[in-house]
Amino acid sequence: MNRPRYPITPAIRFLRAKRVDFQPFLYTYTDRGGARQAAMELRIPQHRVVKTLVMETDDQSPLLVLMHGDQAVSTRTLARVLGAKKVLPVRPEKALNCTGYPVGGISPFGTRQDMPVYVQATILEMKTIYINGGKRGYIVAVDPMVLLKTLSAIPVSVAAVP
């Protein structure tokens, strides 16, 4: 039997170098499908799919925010937490330059540029999360504690209230 061939991205190289256990999954990528598309195809709750968002402060310093797939980031709350005037999403070109990954395939692992990583605190309470593996249509299942151990992610409570 042929097993699917999984891409070896900078994210996967990073995870292997850090000796992180992960399980890879491929799904059909569609523009603007995001976490909802991955969750639907893989039959997992969208809340367990973690989005990697590239944002910047008013002084244009880039940062990563990891958020549940079914929630949005309150940029106002995040700005307050960071002591910044404002925090905004970056343009796709800047996201690619900072991370080395295109929008839709951004992983917090193996980024081109070191950036602070902020993680929604409730993500750390989950047993397993599904996060981008560094390519559109590719996610990996990992223990959320990996975010703290390998990325020194900073827990925050910045989910937007619907």
Protein backbone atom coordinates (compact mmCIF):
# COMPACT_ATOMS: atom_id res chain seq x y z
CA MET A 1 0.00 0.00 0.00
CA ASN A 2 1.19 3.47 -0.81
CA ARG A 3 1.26 5.85 2.11
CA PRO A 4 0.81 9.52 1.31
CA ARG A 5 4.04 11.46 0.95
CA TYR A 6 4.16 14.35 3.34
CA PRO A 7 6.05 17.53 2.50
CA ILE A 8 9.33 18.17 4.32
CA THR A 9 9.03 21.88 5.05
CA PRO A 10 11.16 24.12 7.29
CA ALA A 11 8.47 23.56 9.95
CA ILE A 12 8.91 19.79 9.76
CA ARG A 13 12.70 20.12 9.86
CA PHE A 14 12.31 22.33 12.95
CA LEU A 15 10.04 19.80 14.69
CA ARG A 16 12.39 16.93 13.85
CA ALA A 17 15.44 18.88 15.09
CA LYS A 18 13.64 19.55 18.38
CA ARG A 19 12.58 15.87 18.57
CA VAL A 20 8.90 16.76 18.70
CA ASP A 21 6.34 14.01 18.17
CA PHE A 22 3.84 15.02 15.50
CA GLN A 23 1.34 13.45 13.18
CA PRO A 24 1.01 14.91 9.66
CA PHE A 25 -2.28 15.37 7.79
CA LEU A 26 -3.00 16.54 4.26
CA TYR A 27 -6.28 18.20 3.26
CA THR A 28 -7.61 19.99 0.20
CA TYR A 29 -6.62 23.65 0.45
CA THR A 30 -9.11 26.23 -0.77
CA ASP A 31 -8.68 30.01 -0.69
CA ARG A 32 -10.26 31.39 2.45
CA GLY A 33 -11.12 27.86 3.60
CA GLY A 34 -8.68 28.04 6.47
CA ALA A 35 -9.28 26.23 9.74
CA ARG A 36 -12.89 25.49 8.83
CA GLN A 37 -11.83 23.57 5.70
CA ALA A 38 -9.16 21.58 7.55
CA ALA A 39 -11.52 20.75 10.41
CA MET A 40 -14.30 19.68 8.07
CA GLU A 41 -12.10 17.39 5.96
CA LEU A 42 -10.25 15.86 8.89
CA ARG A 43 -13.42 15.59 10.98
CA ILE A 44 -12.01 17.41 13.97
CA PRO A 45 -13.47 20.34 15.92
CA GLN A 46 -12.54 23.68 14.38
CA HIS A 47 -11.67 24.88 17.90
CA ARG A 48 -8.70 22.44 17.93
CA VAL A 49 -7.29 23.79 14.68
CA VAL A 50 -4.86 26.60 15.51
CA LYS A 51 -4.41 29.55 13.15
CA THR A 52 -1.00 31.23 12.88
CA LEU A 53 -1.49 34.95 12.30
CA VAL A 54 1.27 37.43 11.49
CA MET A 55 0.64 40.84 12.96
CA GLU A 56 2.65 43.97 13.69
CA THR A 57 2.66 46.69 16.31
CA ASP A 58 2.49 50.40 15.54
CA ASP A 59 6.30 50.45 15.24
CA GLN A 60 6.00 47.74 12.54
CA SER A 61 7.57 45.00 14.69
CA PRO A 62 6.19 41.64 13.49
CA LEU A 63 4.81 39.01 15.86
CA LEU A 64 2.90 35.76 15.65
CA VAL A 65 -0.45 35.12 17.29
CA LEU A 66 -1.80 31.58 17.65
CA MET A 67 -5.59 31.45 17.91
CA HIS A 68 -8.33 28.82 17.86
CA GLY A 69 -9.63 28.24 14.35
CA ASP A 70 -13.15 29.30 15.31
CA GLN A 71 -12.15 32.52 17.08
CA ALA A 72 -10.72 35.90 16.12
CA VAL A 73 -8.03 38.00 17.80
CA SER A 74 -9.06 41.16 19.60
CA THR A 75 -6.31 43.43 18.29
CA ARG A 76 -7.34 46.09 20.80
CA THR A 77 -6.82 43.69 23.71
CA LEU A 78 -3.56 42.42 22.23
CA ALA A 79 -2.28 46.00 21.84
CA ARG A 80 -3.09 46.65 25.49
CA VAL A 81 -1.26 43.47 26.56
CA LEU A 82 1.79 44.48 24.50
CA GLY A 83 1.74 48.10 25.59
CA ALA A 84 1.37 49.20 21.98
CA LYS A 85 -0.93 51.81 20.48
CA LYS A 86 -2.28 49.32 17.97
CA VAL A 87 -1.72 45.89 16.49
CA LEU A 88 -2.75 45.05 12.93
CA PRO A 89 -2.47 42.08 10.58
CA VAL A 90 0.40 42.42 8.10
CA ARG A 91 0.05 42.38 4.33
CA PRO A 92 0.52 38.93 2.73
CA GLU A 93 3.88 40.02 1.24
CA LYS A 94 5.24 40.96 4.67
CA ALA A 95 3.93 37.70 6.16
CA LEU A 96 5.83 35.78 3.48
CA ASN A 97 9.01 37.81 4.05
CA CYS A 98 8.90 37.33 7.84
CA THR A 99 7.95 33.67 7.92
CA GLY A 100 9.00 32.20 4.59
CA TYR A 101 5.47 30.81 4.24
CA PRO A 102 2.57 32.08 2.11
CA VAL A 103 -0.71 33.06 3.74
CA GLY A 104 -2.72 29.85 4.17
CA GLY A 105 0.47 27.88 4.83
CA ILE A 106 2.01 29.80 7.72
CA SER A 107 3.48 27.71 10.51
CA PRO A 108 4.96 29.13 13.70
CA PHE A 109 7.74 26.53 13.41
CA GLY A 110 10.84 27.16 11.31
CA THR A 111 10.08 30.76 10.42
CA ARG A 112 12.59 32.76 8.44
CA GLN A 113 12.70 35.51 11.08
CA ASP A 114 12.60 35.13 14.86
CA MET A 115 9.50 36.82 16.21
CA PRO A 116 7.72 36.80 19.55
CA VAL A 117 4.92 34.23 19.61
CA TYR A 118 1.72 34.83 21.58
CA VAL A 119 -0.69 31.94 22.12
CA GLN A 120 -4.30 32.14 23.25
CA ALA A 121 -4.03 30.62 26.74
CA THR A 122 -6.98 28.24 26.26
CA ILE A 123 -5.07 26.47 23.46
CA LEU A 124 -2.62 25.20 26.07
CA GLU A 125 -5.46 23.43 27.91
CA MET A 126 -6.16 21.09 24.99
CA LYS A 127 -4.78 17.56 24.72
CA THR A 128 -3.83 17.83 21.04
CA ILE A 129 -3.89 20.70 18.58
CA TYR A 130 -3.70 20.80 14.80
CA ILE A 131 -1.44 23.51 13.41
CA ASN A 132 -0.04 24.36 9.99
CA GLY A 133 2.93 22.28 8.85
CA GLY A 134 4.37 24.97 6.60
CA LYS A 135 2.39 24.41 3.41
CA ARG A 136 -1.14 25.06 2.25
CA GLY A 137 -3.26 21.97 2.85
CA TYR A 138 -0.88 20.50 5.43
CA ILE A 139 -1.28 20.44 9.20
CA VAL A 140 0.33 18.52 12.02
CA ALA A 141 -1.11 17.28 15.29
CA VAL A 142 1.05 18.12 18.31
CA ASP A 143 0.84 18.49 22.05
CA PRO A 144 0.21 22.22 22.71
CA MET A 145 3.04 22.28 25.28
CA VAL A 146 5.37 22.13 22.26
CA LEU A 147 4.48 25.80 21.72
CA LEU A 148 5.95 26.74 25.09
CA LYS A 149 8.95 24.42 24.90
CA THR A 150 10.13 25.11 21.34
CA LEU A 151 8.84 28.62 20.61
CA SER A 152 8.81 30.16 24.10
CA ALA A 153 5.24 31.17 23.28
CA ILE A 154 3.69 33.67 25.67
CA PRO A 155 0.16 32.80 26.87
CA VAL A 156 -2.36 35.64 26.47
CA SER A 157 -6.14 36.01 26.58
CA VAL A 158 -6.93 37.94 23.42
CA ALA A 159 -9.81 36.04 21.83
CA ALA A 160 -12.47 38.40 20.52
CA VAL A 161 -15.82 38.04 22.17
CA PRO A 162 -18.43 37.37 19.47
